[in-house]
Amino acid sequence: MFREWLSVHYPERGDKVMSIVRQIRNGRDNDPDFFTRMKPGGVWADLFRARFRLACKRAGIGKAGFELDCSQFQRPDLSGQMQLI
């Protein structure tokens, strides 16, 4: 499906994109193995990882800079039907 979408919308780039996907997936379009399909490898994967981490750092994503506030929590009444408001 992705290959078809590429050929329709970006026909001049499709072969290059699929080549990069195959390099990340050890020569295959897809990796159906359970423990490896979400862990791409190779030079391209390392480059994508580094770029993603840098973008997160610039955007301030991933910092544990907030605290949870439980003061507004009200324990539900278990004697009957719960209220929506």
PDB file of N, CA and C in Angstrom:
ATOM      1  N   MET A   1       0.815  -1.179   0.000  1.00  0.00           N
ATOM      2  CA  MET A   1       0.000   0.000   0.000  1.00  0.00           C
ATOM      3  C   MET A   1       0.868   1.256   0.000  1.00  0.00           C
ATOM      4  N   PHE A   2       1.899   1.259   0.813  1.00  0.00           N
ATOM      5  CA  PHE A   2       2.801   2.404   0.878  1.00  0.00           C
ATOM      6  C   PHE A   2       3.523   2.586  -0.454  1.00  0.00           C
ATOM      7  N   ARG A   3       3.964   1.472  -1.043  1.00  0.00           N
ATOM      8  CA  ARG A   3       4.657   1.534  -2.327  1.00  0.00           C
ATOM      9  C   ARG A   3       3.737   2.115  -3.405  1.00  0.00           C
ATOM     10  N   GLU A   4       2.491   1.729  -3.391  1.00  0.00           N
ATOM     11  CA  GLU A   4       1.520   2.246  -4.358  1.00  0.00           C
ATOM     12  C   GLU A   4       1.289   3.741  -4.146  1.00  0.00           C
ATOM     13  N   TRP A   5       1.158   4.172  -2.892  1.00  0.00           N
ATOM     14  CA  TRP A   5       0.989   5.584  -2.585  1.00  0.00           C
ATOM     15  C   TRP A   5       2.199   6.386  -3.068  1.00  0.00           C
ATOM     16  N   LEU A   6       3.396   5.843  -2.846  1.00  0.00           N
ATOM     17  CA  LEU A   6       4.610   6.513  -3.316  1.00  0.00           C
ATOM     18  C   LEU A   6       4.607   6.676  -4.827  1.00  0.00           C
ATOM     19  N   SER A   7       4.234   5.630  -5.538  1.00  0.00           N
ATOM     20  CA  SER A   7       4.258   5.696  -7.002  1.00  0.00           C
ATOM     21  C   SER A   7       3.248   6.696  -7.543  1.00  0.00           C
ATOM     22  N   VAL A   8       2.157   6.905  -6.838  1.00  0.00           N
ATOM     23  CA  VAL A   8       1.145   7.870  -7.286  1.00  0.00           C
ATOM     24  C   VAL A   8       1.565   9.298  -6.952  1.00  0.00           C
ATOM     25  N   HIS A   9       2.007   9.532  -5.717  1.00  0.00           N
ATOM     26  CA  HIS A   9       2.272  10.897  -5.256  1.00  0.00           C
ATOM     27  C   HIS A   9       3.711  11.367  -5.478  1.00  0.00           C
ATOM     28  N   TYR A  10       4.661  10.459  -5.419  1.00  0.00           N
ATOM     29  CA  TYR A  10       6.064  10.822  -5.590  1.00  0.00           C
ATOM     30  C   TYR A  10       6.761   9.799  -6.489  1.00  0.00           C
ATOM     31  N   PRO A  11       6.407   9.732  -7.753  1.00  0.00           N
ATOM     32  CA  PRO A  11       6.984   8.697  -8.621  1.00  0.00           C
ATOM     33  C   PRO A  11       8.491   8.837  -8.810  1.00  0.00           C
ATOM     34  N   GLU A  12       9.013  10.062  -8.739  1.00  0.00           N
ATOM     35  CA  GLU A  12      10.447  10.256  -8.937  1.00  0.00           C
ATOM     36  C   GLU A  12      11.265   9.865  -7.705  1.00  0.00           C
ATOM     37  N   ARG A  13      10.638   9.765  -6.538  1.00  0.00           N
ATOM     38  CA  ARG A  13      11.353   9.442  -5.298  1.00  0.00           C
ATOM     39  C   ARG A  13      11.088   8.027  -4.794  1.00  0.00           C
ATOM     40  N   GLY A  14      10.119   7.348  -5.354  1.00  0.00           N
ATOM     41  CA  GLY A  14       9.686   6.049  -4.843  1.00  0.00           C
ATOM     42  C   GLY A  14      10.789   5.024  -4.733  1.00  0.00           C
ATOM     43  N   ASP A  15      11.613   4.901  -5.777  1.00  0.00           N
ATOM     44  CA  ASP A  15      12.682   3.901  -5.743  1.00  0.00           C
ATOM     45  C   ASP A  15      13.712   4.204  -4.659  1.00  0.00           C
ATOM     46  N   LYS A  16      14.031   5.479  -4.485  1.00  0.00           N
ATOM     47  CA  LYS A  16      15.016   5.852  -3.459  1.00  0.00           C
ATOM     48  C   LYS A  16      14.473   5.576  -2.052  1.00  0.00           C
ATOM     49  N   VAL A  17      13.214   5.936  -1.825  1.00  0.00           N
ATOM     50  CA  VAL A  17      12.608   5.713  -0.513  1.00  0.00           C
ATOM     51  C   VAL A  17      12.552   4.222  -0.191  1.00  0.00           C
ATOM     52  N   MET A  18      12.124   3.419  -1.143  1.00  0.00           N
ATOM     53  CA  MET A  18      12.044   1.978  -0.900  1.00  0.00           C
ATOM     54  C   MET A  18      13.429   1.372  -0.711  1.00  0.00           C
ATOM     55  N   SER A  19      14.426   1.918  -1.367  1.00  0.00           N
ATOM     56  CA  SER A  19      15.803   1.453  -1.155  1.00  0.00           C
ATOM     57  C   SER A  19      16.243   1.713   0.283  1.00  0.00           C
ATOM     58  N   ILE A  20      15.905   2.872   0.818  1.00  0.00           N
ATOM     59  CA  ILE A  20      16.257   3.198   2.211  1.00  0.00           C
ATOM     60  C   ILE A  20      15.504   2.281   3.171  1.00  0.00           C
ATOM     61  N   VAL A  21      14.233   2.026   2.887  1.00  0.00           N
ATOM     62  CA  VAL A  21      13.442   1.118   3.738  1.00  0.00           C
ATOM     63  C   VAL A  21      14.081  -0.263   3.747  1.00  0.00           C
ATOM     64  N   ARG A  22      14.501  -0.751   2.599  1.00  0.00           N
ATOM     65  CA  ARG A  22      15.139  -2.078   2.526  1.00  0.00           C
ATOM     66  C   ARG A  22      16.469  -2.100   3.284  1.00  0.00           C
ATOM     67  N   GLN A  23      17.221  -1.004   3.230  1.00  0.00           N
ATOM     68  CA  GLN A  23      18.490  -0.952   3.959  1.00  0.00           C
ATOM     69  C   GLN A  23      18.250  -1.008   5.462  1.00  0.00           C
ATOM     70  N   ILE A  24      17.187  -0.385   5.920  1.00  0.00           N
ATOM     71  CA  ILE A  24      16.855  -0.398   7.344  1.00  0.00           C
ATOM     72  C   ILE A  24      16.358  -1.773   7.781  1.00  0.00           C
ATOM     73  N   ARG A  25      15.678  -2.481   6.881  1.00  0.00           N
ATOM     74  CA  ARG A  25      15.037  -3.773   7.187  1.00  0.00           C
ATOM     75  C   ARG A  25      15.801  -4.973   6.639  1.00  0.00           C
ATOM     76  N   ASN A  26      17.108  -4.876   6.512  1.00  0.00           N
ATOM     77  CA  ASN A  26      17.955  -5.993   6.070  1.00  0.00           C
ATOM     78  C   ASN A  26      17.538  -6.549   4.709  1.00  0.00           C
ATOM     79  N   GLY A  27      17.279  -5.665   3.761  1.00  0.00           N
ATOM     80  CA  GLY A  27      16.987  -6.069   2.396  1.00  0.00           C
ATOM     81  C   GLY A  27      15.543  -6.422   2.106  1.00  0.00           C
ATOM     82  N   ARG A  28      14.650  -6.244   3.071  1.00  0.00           N
ATOM     83  CA  ARG A  28      13.235  -6.574   2.871  1.00  0.00           C
ATOM     84  C   ARG A  28      12.379  -5.316   3.021  1.00  0.00           C
ATOM     85  N   ASP A  29      11.204  -5.335   2.394  1.00  0.00           N
ATOM     86  CA  ASP A  29      10.285  -4.203   2.538  1.00  0.00           C
ATOM     87  C   ASP A  29       9.684  -4.143   3.936  1.00  0.00           C
ATOM     88  N   ASN A  30       9.526  -5.297   4.553  1.00  0.00           N
ATOM     89  CA  ASN A  30       8.881  -5.386   5.856  1.00  0.00           C
ATOM     90  C   ASN A  30       9.593  -6.453   6.682  1.00  0.00           C
ATOM     91  N   ASP A  31       9.562  -6.292   7.969  1.00  0.00           N
ATOM     92  CA  ASP A  31      10.153  -7.287   8.869  1.00  0.00           C
ATOM     93  C   ASP A  31       9.044  -7.837   9.760  1.00  0.00           C
ATOM     94  N   PRO A  32       8.534  -9.033   9.470  1.00  0.00           N
ATOM     95  CA  PRO A  32       7.420  -9.565  10.250  1.00  0.00           C
ATOM     96  C   PRO A  32       7.832 -10.207  11.578  1.00  0.00           C
ATOM     97  N   ASP A  33       9.130 -10.314  11.839  1.00  0.00           N
ATOM     98  CA  ASP A  33       9.581 -10.943  13.084  1.00  0.00           C
ATOM     99  C   ASP A  33       9.155 -10.107  14.290  1.00  0.00           C
ATOM    100  N   PHE A  34       8.684 -10.779  15.313  1.00  0.00           N
ATOM    101  CA  PHE A  34       8.054 -10.113  16.452  1.00  0.00           C
ATOM    102  C   PHE A  34       8.981  -9.157  17.188  1.00  0.00           C
ATOM    103  N   PHE A  35      10.188  -9.561  17.481  1.00  0.00           N
ATOM    104  CA  PHE A  35      11.057  -8.726  18.324  1.00  0.00           C
ATOM    105  C   PHE A  35      11.931  -7.759  17.535  1.00  0.00           C
ATOM    106  N   THR A  36      11.973  -7.857  16.222  1.00  0.00           N
ATOM    107  CA  THR A  36      12.855  -6.985  15.450  1.00  0.00           C
ATOM    108  C   THR A  36      12.124  -5.995  14.562  1.00  0.00           C
ATOM    109  N   ARG A  37      10.827  -6.138  14.369  1.00  0.00           N
ATOM    110  CA  ARG A  37      10.147  -5.272  13.406  1.00  0.00           C
ATOM    111  C   ARG A  37      10.076  -3.822  13.845  1.00  0.00           C
ATOM    112  N   MET A  38      10.120  -3.554  15.116  1.00  0.00           N
ATOM    113  CA  MET A  38      10.070  -2.177  15.589  1.00  0.00           C
ATOM    114  C   MET A  38      11.454  -1.644  15.968  1.00  0.00           C
ATOM    115  N   LYS A  39      12.496  -2.373  15.610  1.00  0.00           N
ATOM    116  CA  LYS A  39      13.857  -1.958  15.929  1.00  0.00           C
ATOM    117  C   LYS A  39      14.718  -1.981  14.666  1.00  0.00           C
ATOM    118  N   PRO A  40      14.587  -0.960  13.807  1.00  0.00           N
ATOM    119  CA  PRO A  40      15.386  -0.929  12.583  1.00  0.00           C
ATOM    120  C   PRO A  40      16.858  -0.751  12.903  1.00  0.00           C
ATOM    121  N   GLY A  41      17.705  -1.131  11.979  1.00  0.00           N
ATOM    122  CA  GLY A  41      19.138  -1.029  12.194  1.00  0.00           C
ATOM    123  C   GLY A  41      19.826  -0.434  10.985  1.00  0.00           C
ATOM    124  N   GLY A  42      21.087  -0.154  11.135  1.00  0.00           N
ATOM    125  CA  GLY A  42      21.866   0.376  10.034  1.00  0.00           C
ATOM    126  C   GLY A  42      22.127   1.863  10.159  1.00  0.00           C
ATOM    127  N   VAL A  43      22.819   2.369   9.156  1.00  0.00           N
ATOM    128  CA  VAL A  43      23.228   3.771   9.154  1.00  0.00           C
ATOM    129  C   VAL A  43      22.019   4.701   9.081  1.00  0.00           C
ATOM    130  N   TRP A  44      21.062   4.379   8.224  1.00  0.00           N
ATOM    131  CA  TRP A  44      19.870   5.225   8.096  1.00  0.00           C
ATOM    132  C   TRP A  44      19.076   5.272   9.402  1.00  0.00           C
ATOM    133  N   ALA A  45      18.919   4.152  10.050  1.00  0.00           N
ATOM    134  CA  ALA A  45      18.182   4.116  11.307  1.00  0.00           C
ATOM    135  C   ALA A  45      18.882   4.968  12.374  1.00  0.00           C
ATOM    136  N   ASP A  46      20.196   4.884  12.419  1.00  0.00           N
ATOM    137  CA  ASP A  46      20.950   5.708  13.372  1.00  0.00           C
ATOM    138  C   ASP A  46      20.776   7.194  13.072  1.00  0.00           C
ATOM    139  N   LEU A  47      20.772   7.544  11.783  1.00  0.00           N
ATOM    140  CA  LEU A  47      20.579   8.937  11.391  1.00  0.00           C
ATOM    141  C   LEU A  47      19.186   9.426  11.791  1.00  0.00           C
ATOM    142  N   PHE A  48      18.162   8.628  11.531  1.00  0.00           N
ATOM    143  CA  PHE A  48      16.796   9.007  11.906  1.00  0.00           C
ATOM    144  C   PHE A  48      16.660   9.156  13.412  1.00  0.00           C
ATOM    145  N   ARG A  49      17.277   8.234  14.162  1.00  0.00           N
ATOM    146  CA  ARG A  49      17.230   8.293  15.619  1.00  0.00           C
ATOM    147  C   ARG A  49      17.876   9.576  16.142  1.00  0.00           C
ATOM    148  N   ALA A  50      19.038   9.919  15.587  1.00  0.00           N
ATOM    149  CA  ALA A  50      19.750  11.121  16.023  1.00  0.00           C
ATOM    150  C   ALA A  50      18.943  12.377  15.703  1.00  0.00           C
ATOM    151  N   ARG A  51      18.343  12.421  14.518  1.00  0.00           N
ATOM    152  CA  ARG A  51      17.532  13.580  14.140  1.00  0.00           C
ATOM    153  C   ARG A  51      16.289  13.699  15.023  1.00  0.00           C
ATOM    154  N   PHE A  52      15.672  12.570  15.325  1.00  0.00           N
ATOM    155  CA  PHE A  52      14.481  12.588  16.177  1.00  0.00           C
ATOM    156  C   PHE A  52      14.828  13.074  17.581  1.00  0.00           C
ATOM    157  N   ARG A  53      15.920  12.584  18.140  1.00  0.00           N
ATOM    158  CA  ARG A  53      16.332  13.014  19.482  1.00  0.00           C
ATOM    159  C   ARG A  53      16.646  14.508  19.513  1.00  0.00           C
ATOM    160  N   LEU A  54      17.303  14.995  18.475  1.00  0.00           N
ATOM    161  CA  LEU A  54      17.625  16.418  18.400  1.00  0.00           C
ATOM    162  C   LEU A  54      16.354  17.259  18.300  1.00  0.00           C
ATOM    163  N   ALA A  55      15.395  16.820  17.495  1.00  0.00           N
ATOM    164  CA  ALA A  55      14.124  17.549  17.364  1.00  0.00           C
ATOM    165  C   ALA A  55      13.367  17.553  18.691  1.00  0.00           C
ATOM    166  N   CYS A  56      13.378  16.435  19.405  1.00  0.00           N
ATOM    167  CA  CYS A  56      12.719  16.377  20.717  1.00  0.00           C
ATOM    168  C   CYS A  56      13.390  17.318  21.706  1.00  0.00           C
ATOM    169  N   LYS A  57      14.708  17.358  21.667  1.00  0.00           N
ATOM    170  CA  LYS A  57      15.447  18.232  22.574  1.00  0.00           C
ATOM    171  C   LYS A  57      15.135  19.691  22.288  1.00  0.00           C
ATOM    172  N   ARG A  58      15.075  20.057  21.003  1.00  0.00           N
ATOM    173  CA  ARG A  58      14.768  21.439  20.629  1.00  0.00           C
ATOM    174  C   ARG A  58      13.343  21.825  21.015  1.00  0.00           C
ATOM    175  N   ALA A  59      12.421  20.872  20.929  1.00  0.00           N
ATOM    176  CA  ALA A  59      11.023  21.146  21.246  1.00  0.00           C
ATOM    177  C   ALA A  59      10.721  21.018  22.737  1.00  0.00           C
ATOM    178  N   GLY A  60      11.677  20.521  23.508  1.00  0.00           N
ATOM    179  CA  GLY A  60      11.471  20.358  24.940  1.00  0.00           C
ATOM    180  C   GLY A  60      10.613  19.154  25.289  1.00  0.00           C
ATOM    181  N   ILE A  61      10.546  18.203  24.379  1.00  0.00           N
ATOM    182  CA  ILE A  61       9.744  16.994  24.609  1.00  0.00           C
ATOM    183  C   ILE A  61      10.602  15.965  25.344  1.00  0.00           C
ATOM    184  N   GLY A  62      10.005  15.304  26.322  1.00  0.00           N
ATOM    185  CA  GLY A  62      10.718  14.246  27.026  1.00  0.00           C
ATOM    186  C   GLY A  62      11.250  14.657  28.379  1.00  0.00           C
ATOM    187  N   LYS A  63      11.109  15.928  28.712  1.00  0.00           N
ATOM    188  CA  LYS A  63      11.559  16.363  30.021  1.00  0.00           C
ATOM    189  C   LYS A  63      10.472  16.070  31.040  1.00  0.00           C
ATOM    190  N   ALA A  64      10.865  15.554  32.169  1.00  0.00           N
ATOM    191  CA  ALA A  64       9.906  15.257  33.237  1.00  0.00           C
ATOM    192  C   ALA A  64       9.750  16.510  34.090  1.00  0.00           C
ATOM    193  N   GLY A  65       9.118  17.544  33.544  1.00  0.00           N
ATOM    194  CA  GLY A  65       9.008  18.807  34.243  1.00  0.00           C
ATOM    195  C   GLY A  65       7.600  19.110  34.725  1.00  0.00           C
ATOM    196  N   PHE A  66       6.816  18.103  35.018  1.00  0.00           N
ATOM    197  CA  PHE A  66       5.471  18.349  35.516  1.00  0.00           C
ATOM    198  C   PHE A  66       5.193  17.407  36.668  1.00  0.00           C
ATOM    199  N   GLU A  67       4.258  17.835  37.514  1.00  0.00           N
ATOM    200  CA  GLU A  67       3.868  17.014  38.650  1.00  0.00           C
ATOM    201  C   GLU A  67       2.384  16.714  38.562  1.00  0.00           C
ATOM    202  N   LEU A  68       1.981  15.562  38.983  1.00  0.00           N
ATOM    203  CA  LEU A  68       0.578  15.190  38.973  1.00  0.00           C
ATOM    204  C   LEU A  68      -0.134  15.813  40.151  1.00  0.00           C
ATOM    205  N   ASP A  69      -1.373  16.288  39.923  1.00  0.00           N
ATOM    206  CA  ASP A  69      -2.186  16.912  40.964  1.00  0.00           C
ATOM    207  C   ASP A  69      -3.373  16.003  41.250  1.00  0.00           C
ATOM    208  N   CYS A  70      -3.380  15.381  42.392  1.00  0.00           N
ATOM    209  CA  CYS A  70      -4.462  14.472  42.775  1.00  0.00           C
ATOM    210  C   CYS A  70      -5.467  15.132  43.710  1.00  0.00           C
ATOM    211  N   SER A  71      -5.328  16.435  43.952  1.00  0.00           N
ATOM    212  CA  SER A  71      -6.214  17.107  44.909  1.00  0.00           C
ATOM    213  C   SER A  71      -7.649  17.223  44.387  1.00  0.00           C
ATOM    214  N   GLN A  72      -7.868  17.178  43.098  1.00  0.00           N
ATOM    215  CA  GLN A  72      -9.197  17.313  42.522  1.00  0.00           C
ATOM    216  C   GLN A  72      -9.945  15.974  42.428  1.00  0.00           C
ATOM    217  N   PHE A  73      -9.288  14.891  42.771  1.00  0.00           N
ATOM    218  CA  PHE A  73      -9.911  13.576  42.675  1.00  0.00           C
ATOM    219  C   PHE A  73     -10.956  13.400  43.770  1.00  0.00           C
ATOM    220  N   GLN A  74     -12.136  12.896  43.373  1.00  0.00           N
ATOM    221  CA  GLN A  74     -13.183  12.586  44.339  1.00  0.00           C
ATOM    222  C   GLN A  74     -13.504  11.109  44.236  1.00  0.00           C
ATOM    223  N   ARG A  75     -13.497  10.458  45.352  1.00  0.00           N
ATOM    224  CA  ARG A  75     -13.781   9.031  45.372  1.00  0.00           C
ATOM    225  C   ARG A  75     -15.248   8.795  44.996  1.00  0.00           C
ATOM    226  N   PRO A  76     -15.524   7.861  44.073  1.00  0.00           N
ATOM    227  CA  PRO A  76     -16.908   7.622  43.664  1.00  0.00           C
ATOM    228  C   PRO A  76     -17.730   6.983  44.780  1.00  0.00           C
ATOM    229  N   ASP A  77     -19.010   7.340  44.778  1.00  0.00           N
ATOM    230  CA  ASP A  77     -19.945   6.763  45.740  1.00  0.00           C
ATOM    231  C   ASP A  77     -20.344   5.384  45.239  1.00  0.00           C
ATOM    232  N   LEU A  78     -20.072   4.355  45.996  1.00  0.00           N
ATOM    233  CA  LEU A  78     -20.318   2.987  45.556  1.00  0.00           C
ATOM    234  C   LEU A  78     -21.691   2.464  45.954  1.00  0.00           C
ATOM    235  N   SER A  79     -22.557   3.329  46.522  1.00  0.00           N
ATOM    236  CA  SER A  79     -23.856   2.882  46.991  1.00  0.00           C
ATOM    237  C   SER A  79     -24.890   2.762  45.869  1.00  0.00           C
ATOM    238  N   GLY A  80     -24.624   3.330  44.731  1.00  0.00           N
ATOM    239  CA  GLY A  80     -25.592   3.283  43.631  1.00  0.00           C
ATOM    240  C   GLY A  80     -24.929   3.689  42.326  1.00  0.00           C
ATOM    241  N   GLN A  81     -25.744   4.236  41.440  1.00  0.00           N
ATOM    242  CA  GLN A  81     -25.244   4.654  40.137  1.00  0.00           C
ATOM    243  C   GLN A  81     -24.396   5.904  40.288  1.00  0.00           C
ATOM    244  N   MET A  82     -23.309   5.957  39.557  1.00  0.00           N
ATOM    245  CA  MET A  82     -22.443   7.113  39.623  1.00  0.00           C
ATOM    246  C   MET A  82     -23.046   8.270  38.840  1.00  0.00           C
ATOM    247  N   GLN A  83     -22.769   9.506  39.263  1.00  0.00           N
ATOM    248  CA  GLN A  83     -23.267  10.696  38.577  1.00  0.00           C
ATOM    249  C   GLN A  83     -22.274  11.119  37.499  1.00  0.00           C
ATOM    250  N   LEU A  84     -22.816  11.744  36.452  1.00  0.00           N
ATOM    251  CA  LEU A  84     -21.959  12.221  35.369  1.00  0.00           C
ATOM    252  C   LEU A  84     -21.338  13.575  35.675  1.00  0.00           C
ATOM    253  N   ILE A  85     -21.936  14.342  36.573  1.00  0.00           N
ATOM    254  CA  ILE A  85     -21.402  15.677  36.893  1.00  0.00           C
ATOM    255  C   ILE A  85     -20.922  15.717  38.327  1.00  0.00           C
TER     256      ILE A  85
END
